[in-house]
Amino acid sequence: MDQIQHKYVEVKGLNLHVAEIGTGPTTVMFLHGFPEIWYSWRHQMIAVANAGYRAIAPDYRGYGLSDQPPEPEKTSFVDFVHDMVALLDALDIPKVFLVGKDFGSPIAYLIALLYPKRVSGVATLGVPFMPPRPPTHHKGLPEGFYISRWKEPGRAEADFVRFDAKTVVRNIYILFSKSEIPIAGENMEIMDMVEPSTPLPPWFTDEDMEIYGALYEKSGFQTALQVPYRSMHKPMDIPDPKVEVPAMLIMGEDDYVFKFPGIEDYIRSGEVKTYVPNLETIYVAKGTHFVQEQFPDQVNQLLLTFLSSHS
């Protein structure tokens, strides 16, 4: 990882941390999810740089090494979108390929919708394009559904504060690596779903965990709970949300996101192509929600094929 460089770029009055590698004429911007950070793209950044691309991976405002926004509780998806475009402006990058994971997927697609001339293509992992309106795939899930718990002000804070940041991230990684949606019992908090003796996934090292823990120890979870969980239900006025650029969706076959009501049919039936007509969907056998860390070589090759086909 030593070859990855780090710097801070002032964007809208905040210093955003950016990891960067490569000097090619075409730039790939990697957008992380939760509980991830720039580091979750370490394998992909090196691979695309070795193939002749420039790779940049920011920490969003309030995440990792980036500054906290002045009012985290008012932060929105749109703030992240405008931050990323302002970051491209500051770096003098006119056009990019976007690669988004988890809630990085809606951020990537919102950039493509709101700033279409800035985007050459979009690849997402773990989450398909969803119309920018309050989600409906949460309906019917029990009260202990993790998103329902985390969007309730104060609930996750009281749950997380019992542990250090590394343990919180560790537990979420373990939960999100499974093929079932995390749903806590009536008298149980989300953190209590993981026994302390539960091992990390085999593809995730103790060193990885130390890095994630240190980054979230620095940032805390206030902004991370706001975006995505407490802002995803805010409607957006985009009347005809259609993304015309080349797109790719990578889904692990064991990703728990498939268990959200209606999501698997939405993807496999091709309904998602109503909104993203130039979409190619690829399924990775045994892949989890963290498929880019679990099977980096396979994901790297998929990304490089996509980039070379549309550069």
Protein backbone atom coordinates (compact mmCIF):
# COMPACT_ATOMS: atom_id res chain seq x y z
CA MET A 1 0.00 0.00 0.00
CA ASP A 2 3.03 2.29 0.29
CA GLN A 3 2.71 3.36 -3.35
CA ILE A 4 -0.69 4.96 -2.68
CA GLN A 5 -0.25 8.68 -2.00
CA HIS A 6 -2.38 10.79 0.34
CA LYS A 7 -3.31 14.44 0.32
CA TYR A 8 -5.96 16.88 1.47
CA VAL A 9 -8.03 18.98 -0.91
CA GLU A 10 -10.15 21.89 0.27
CA VAL A 11 -13.73 21.47 -0.92
CA LYS A 12 -16.52 23.80 0.17
CA GLY A 13 -14.56 24.90 3.21
CA LEU A 14 -13.69 21.34 4.31
CA ASN A 15 -10.43 19.45 3.89
CA LEU A 16 -11.24 16.15 2.21
CA HIS A 17 -8.73 13.32 2.39
CA VAL A 18 -7.92 11.76 -0.99
CA ALA A 19 -5.91 8.61 -1.65
CA GLU A 20 -4.35 8.58 -5.11
CA ILE A 21 -2.19 6.41 -7.33
CA GLY A 22 -1.35 6.42 -11.04
CA THR A 23 -0.77 9.14 -13.60
CA GLY A 24 -2.76 8.00 -16.62
CA PRO A 25 -4.91 10.36 -18.72
CA THR A 26 -8.14 8.63 -17.66
CA THR A 27 -9.27 8.94 -14.04
CA VAL A 28 -11.26 6.44 -12.00
CA MET A 29 -12.96 7.79 -8.87
CA PHE A 30 -13.76 5.19 -6.21
CA LEU A 31 -16.67 5.92 -3.85
CA HIS A 32 -16.82 3.88 -0.65
CA GLY A 33 -19.78 2.61 1.35
CA PHE A 34 -20.30 1.91 5.06
CA PRO A 35 -18.54 0.74 7.19
CA GLU A 36 -15.85 1.30 4.61
CA ILE A 37 -13.42 4.08 3.79
CA TRP A 38 -10.91 4.81 1.00
CA TYR A 39 -8.96 1.74 2.14
CA SER A 40 -11.67 -0.64 0.97
CA TRP A 41 -10.53 0.13 -2.62
CA ARG A 42 -6.84 -0.61 -2.00
CA HIS A 43 -6.74 -3.64 -4.32
CA GLN A 44 -8.66 -1.96 -7.14
CA MET A 45 -6.68 1.28 -6.99
CA ILE A 46 -3.37 -0.49 -7.48
CA ALA A 47 -4.77 -2.66 -10.28
CA VAL A 48 -6.18 0.22 -12.34
CA ALA A 49 -3.03 2.30 -11.77
CA ASN A 50 -0.89 -0.59 -13.02
CA ALA A 51 -3.10 -0.70 -16.11
CA GLY A 52 -2.40 2.95 -16.90
CA TYR A 53 -5.24 4.79 -15.17
CA ARG A 54 -5.25 7.42 -12.46
CA ALA A 55 -7.14 6.23 -9.36
CA ILE A 56 -8.53 8.52 -6.67
CA ALA A 57 -10.48 7.45 -3.59
CA PRO A 58 -11.77 10.18 -1.27
CA ASP A 59 -13.14 9.91 2.23
CA TYR A 60 -16.49 11.73 2.25
CA ARG A 61 -17.00 14.68 4.58
CA GLY A 62 -17.28 13.33 8.11
CA TYR A 63 -15.63 10.01 7.18
CA GLY A 64 -12.12 8.79 7.87
CA LEU A 65 -9.47 11.48 7.60
CA SER A 66 -11.75 14.14 6.08
CA ASP A 67 -13.08 17.06 8.08
CA GLN A 68 -16.42 16.81 9.84
CA PRO A 69 -19.17 19.02 8.41
CA PRO A 70 -20.29 21.81 10.77
CA GLU A 71 -23.73 20.23 11.16
CA PRO A 72 -23.46 16.45 10.58
CA GLU A 73 -27.14 15.94 11.39
CA LYS A 74 -28.09 18.06 8.34
CA THR A 75 -25.74 16.37 5.87
CA SER A 76 -27.36 14.78 2.82
CA PHE A 77 -26.55 12.55 -0.14
CA VAL A 78 -26.63 15.65 -2.34
CA ASP A 79 -23.89 17.25 -0.21
CA PHE A 80 -21.68 14.25 -0.95
CA VAL A 81 -22.52 14.46 -4.66
CA HIS A 82 -21.62 18.14 -4.90
CA ASP A 83 -18.47 17.54 -2.82
CA MET A 84 -17.26 14.91 -5.27
CA VAL A 85 -17.83 17.13 -8.30
CA ALA A 86 -16.13 20.06 -6.54
CA LEU A 87 -13.23 17.72 -5.76
CA LEU A 88 -12.92 16.89 -9.47
CA ASP A 89 -12.90 20.61 -10.21
CA ALA A 90 -10.18 21.22 -7.62
CA LEU A 91 -8.08 18.43 -9.14
CA ASP A 92 -8.74 19.73 -12.68
CA ILE A 93 -10.34 16.45 -13.76
CA PRO A 94 -13.00 17.11 -16.42
CA LYS A 95 -14.43 13.60 -16.73
CA VAL A 96 -14.21 10.32 -14.79
CA PHE A 97 -15.28 6.74 -14.51
CA LEU A 98 -17.12 6.28 -11.22
CA VAL A 99 -16.94 3.09 -9.15
CA GLY A 100 -19.33 2.98 -6.19
CA LYS A 101 -19.88 0.37 -3.50
CA ASP A 102 -22.91 0.09 -1.20
CA PHE A 103 -24.23 3.66 -0.70
CA GLY A 104 -21.42 4.82 -2.99
CA SER A 105 -23.68 3.41 -5.72
CA PRO A 106 -26.44 6.03 -5.35
CA ILE A 107 -23.79 8.74 -5.03
CA ALA A 108 -22.18 7.60 -8.30
CA TYR A 109 -25.51 7.46 -10.07
CA LEU A 110 -26.62 10.84 -8.72
CA ILE A 111 -23.43 12.36 -10.11
CA ALA A 112 -24.22 10.74 -13.45
CA LEU A 113 -27.78 12.11 -13.34
CA LEU A 114 -26.94 15.63 -12.18
CA TYR A 115 -23.60 16.04 -13.99
CA PRO A 116 -23.83 13.72 -17.01
CA LYS A 117 -21.04 15.46 -18.97
CA ARG A 118 -18.58 14.67 -16.18
CA VAL A 119 -19.08 10.88 -16.28
CA SER A 120 -17.65 8.35 -18.77
CA GLY A 121 -19.20 5.31 -17.12
CA VAL A 122 -20.46 3.93 -13.81
CA ALA A 123 -19.62 0.62 -12.13
CA THR A 124 -21.32 -0.28 -8.86
CA LEU A 125 -20.95 -3.15 -6.42
CA GLY A 126 -23.53 -4.53 -4.02
CA VAL A 127 -26.31 -2.02 -4.74
CA PRO A 128 -28.07 -1.45 -8.09
CA PHE A 129 -29.37 1.84 -9.41
CA MET A 130 -32.45 2.79 -7.41
CA PRO A 131 -34.77 5.63 -8.45
CA PRO A 132 -33.96 8.70 -6.30
CA ARG A 133 -37.04 8.55 -4.12
CA PRO A 134 -37.67 7.18 -0.63
CA PRO A 135 -36.89 3.44 -0.74
CA THR A 136 -39.72 0.92 -0.75
CA HIS A 137 -37.66 -2.26 -0.31
CA HIS A 138 -37.62 -1.79 3.47
CA LYS A 139 -41.36 -2.24 3.83
CA GLY A 140 -42.52 -5.32 5.70
CA LEU A 141 -39.20 -5.96 7.42
CA PRO A 142 -39.30 -6.42 11.22
CA GLU A 143 -38.66 -3.63 13.72
CA GLY A 144 -35.15 -5.00 14.36
CA PHE A 145 -34.08 -4.38 10.75
CA TYR A 146 -30.68 -2.67 11.03
CA ILE A 147 -31.57 0.35 8.86
CA SER A 148 -34.72 0.98 10.89
CA ARG A 149 -32.65 0.87 14.06
CA TRP A 150 -29.86 3.10 12.74
CA LYS A 151 -32.14 5.77 11.31
CA GLU A 152 -33.67 6.30 14.77
CA PRO A 153 -31.77 9.21 16.36
CA GLY A 154 -29.79 8.11 19.38
CA ARG A 155 -30.44 4.36 19.01
CA ALA A 156 -27.25 3.43 17.20
CA GLU A 157 -25.21 5.92 19.22
CA ALA A 158 -26.27 4.22 22.46
CA ASP A 159 -25.52 0.82 20.92
CA PHE A 160 -22.11 1.75 19.49
CA VAL A 161 -20.81 3.72 22.50
CA ARG A 162 -20.49 0.48 24.50
CA PHE A 163 -17.57 -0.53 22.27
CA ASP A 164 -14.50 1.02 20.70
CA ALA A 165 -14.69 2.00 17.03
CA LYS A 166 -12.70 -1.02 15.87
CA THR A 167 -15.16 -3.42 17.53
CA VAL A 168 -18.14 -1.61 15.99
CA VAL A 169 -16.64 -1.84 12.49
CA ARG A 170 -15.59 -5.45 13.12
CA ASN A 171 -19.11 -6.44 14.12
CA ILE A 172 -20.67 -4.70 11.13
CA TYR A 173 -18.19 -6.35 8.76
CA ILE A 174 -19.11 -9.75 10.17
CA LEU A 175 -22.86 -9.05 9.92
CA PHE A 176 -22.67 -7.60 6.40
CA SER A 177 -20.53 -10.53 5.20
CA LYS A 178 -23.42 -12.92 5.76
CA SER A 179 -26.14 -13.77 3.27
CA GLU A 180 -29.03 -12.71 5.53
CA ILE A 181 -30.23 -9.20 6.34
CA PRO A 182 -29.14 -8.17 9.86
CA ILE A 183 -32.32 -8.12 11.97
CA ALA A 184 -32.05 -7.91 15.75
CA GLY A 185 -34.48 -9.49 18.18
CA GLU A 186 -36.98 -7.34 20.05
CA ASN A 187 -34.80 -6.92 23.15
CA MET A 188 -31.47 -6.96 21.35
CA GLU A 189 -29.32 -4.25 19.77
CA ILE A 190 -27.51 -4.73 16.45
CA MET A 191 -24.09 -4.98 18.09
CA ASP A 192 -25.38 -7.81 20.31
CA MET A 193 -25.94 -9.98 17.22
CA VAL A 194 -22.21 -10.74 17.03
CA GLU A 195 -20.51 -12.87 19.66
CA PRO A 196 -17.05 -11.55 20.63
CA SER A 197 -15.51 -14.88 19.65
CA THR A 198 -16.88 -14.71 16.07
CA PRO A 199 -13.93 -14.64 13.66
CA LEU A 200 -13.48 -12.09 10.92
CA PRO A 201 -14.06 -13.29 7.34
CA PRO A 202 -10.92 -15.13 6.15
CA TRP A 203 -10.16 -12.50 3.50
CA PHE A 204 -10.08 -9.69 6.09
CA THR A 205 -6.88 -9.46 8.14
CA ASP A 206 -6.20 -8.12 11.61
CA GLU A 207 -4.07 -5.43 9.96
CA ASP A 208 -7.04 -4.40 7.81
CA MET A 209 -9.15 -4.22 10.95
CA GLU A 210 -6.59 -2.01 12.71
CA ILE A 211 -6.65 0.45 9.80
CA TYR A 212 -10.45 0.61 9.65
CA GLY A 213 -10.65 0.95 13.42
CA ALA A 214 -8.18 3.83 13.52
CA LEU A 215 -9.99 5.70 10.75
CA TYR A 216 -13.39 5.39 12.43
CA GLU A 217 -11.85 6.20 15.80
CA LYS A 218 -10.83 9.49 14.24
CA SER A 219 -14.14 10.27 12.50
CA GLY A 220 -16.69 8.65 14.77
CA PHE A 221 -20.05 7.57 13.40
CA GLN A 222 -22.17 10.73 13.51
CA THR A 223 -21.94 11.60 9.81
CA ALA A 224 -21.91 7.92 8.83
CA LEU A 225 -25.28 7.39 10.52
CA GLN A 226 -26.70 10.51 8.87
CA VAL A 227 -25.52 9.52 5.38
CA PRO A 228 -26.71 7.03 4.38
CA TYR A 229 -29.18 5.88 7.02
CA ARG A 230 -30.95 9.03 8.22
CA SER A 231 -31.06 10.82 4.89
CA MET A 232 -32.02 8.06 2.46
CA HIS A 233 -35.74 8.72 2.95
CA LYS A 234 -35.55 12.31 1.75
CA PRO A 235 -37.17 12.69 -1.70
CA MET A 236 -35.28 14.20 -4.62
CA ASP A 237 -36.81 16.02 -7.56
CA ILE A 238 -35.38 14.23 -10.58
CA PRO A 239 -38.40 13.72 -12.87
CA ASP A 240 -36.94 11.26 -15.41
CA PRO A 241 -34.01 9.46 -13.77
CA LYS A 242 -32.25 7.69 -16.61
CA VAL A 243 -28.50 7.05 -16.78
CA GLU A 244 -27.35 6.72 -20.38
CA VAL A 245 -23.60 6.14 -19.89
CA PRO A 246 -22.12 2.62 -19.96
CA ALA A 247 -22.70 0.90 -16.63
CA MET A 248 -21.83 -2.31 -14.84
CA LEU A 249 -23.27 -3.88 -11.69
CA ILE A 250 -21.25 -6.49 -9.80
CA MET A 251 -23.25 -8.55 -7.30
CA GLY A 252 -21.94 -11.30 -5.09
CA GLU A 253 -24.34 -14.24 -5.23
CA ASP A 254 -24.32 -14.39 -1.40
CA ASP A 255 -24.80 -10.64 -0.88
CA TYR A 256 -27.47 -10.04 1.77
CA VAL A 257 -28.84 -7.16 -0.35
CA PHE A 258 -30.52 -9.81 -2.51
CA LYS A 259 -32.78 -10.56 0.49
CA PHE A 260 -34.31 -7.06 0.53
CA PRO A 261 -37.92 -7.44 -0.64
CA GLY A 262 -38.11 -7.11 -4.41
CA ILE A 263 -34.42 -6.41 -5.02
CA GLU A 264 -33.40 -9.74 -6.52
CA ASP A 265 -36.28 -9.68 -9.02
CA TYR A 266 -35.58 -6.02 -9.81
CA ILE A 267 -32.00 -6.95 -10.76
CA ARG A 268 -32.41 -10.37 -12.36
CA SER A 269 -35.54 -9.50 -14.36
CA GLY A 270 -33.76 -6.57 -15.96
CA GLU A 271 -36.21 -4.01 -14.56
CA VAL A 272 -33.20 -1.97 -13.41
CA LYS A 273 -32.37 -1.41 -17.11
CA THR A 274 -35.48 0.75 -17.36
CA TYR A 275 -33.33 3.37 -15.66
CA VAL A 276 -29.86 2.26 -16.81
CA PRO A 277 -30.36 0.93 -20.36
CA ASN A 278 -26.64 0.32 -21.01
CA LEU A 279 -26.17 -1.83 -17.91
CA GLU A 280 -24.27 -5.10 -17.76
CA THR A 281 -24.84 -7.18 -14.62
CA ILE A 282 -22.28 -9.73 -13.43
CA TYR A 283 -22.77 -12.20 -10.60
CA VAL A 284 -19.81 -13.44 -8.58
CA ALA A 285 -20.23 -16.96 -7.17
CA LYS A 286 -19.92 -17.06 -3.35
CA GLY A 287 -19.44 -13.30 -3.33
CA THR A 288 -20.58 -11.34 -0.29
CA HIS A 289 -21.40 -7.65 0.14
CA PHE A 290 -17.63 -7.02 0.29
CA VAL A 291 -16.86 -8.77 -2.98
CA GLN A 292 -14.09 -6.30 -3.94
CA GLU A 293 -12.12 -7.25 -0.83
CA GLN A 294 -13.14 -10.91 -0.83
CA PHE A 295 -12.27 -11.62 -4.50
CA PRO A 296 -10.05 -8.68 -5.51
CA ASP A 297 -8.44 -10.33 -8.54
CA GLN A 298 -11.81 -11.20 -10.06
CA VAL A 299 -13.28 -7.76 -9.40
CA ASN A 300 -10.13 -6.06 -10.68
CA GLN A 301 -10.38 -7.94 -13.97
CA LEU A 302 -14.07 -7.06 -14.35
CA LEU A 303 -13.30 -3.39 -13.76
CA LEU A 304 -10.35 -3.35 -16.15
CA THR A 305 -12.43 -5.00 -18.87
CA PHE A 306 -15.19 -2.43 -18.35
CA LEU A 307 -12.76 0.48 -18.39
CA SER A 308 -10.90 -0.68 -21.50
CA SER A 309 -14.19 -1.31 -23.33
CA HIS A 310 -15.45 2.23 -22.74
CA SER A 311 -12.30 4.39 -22.60
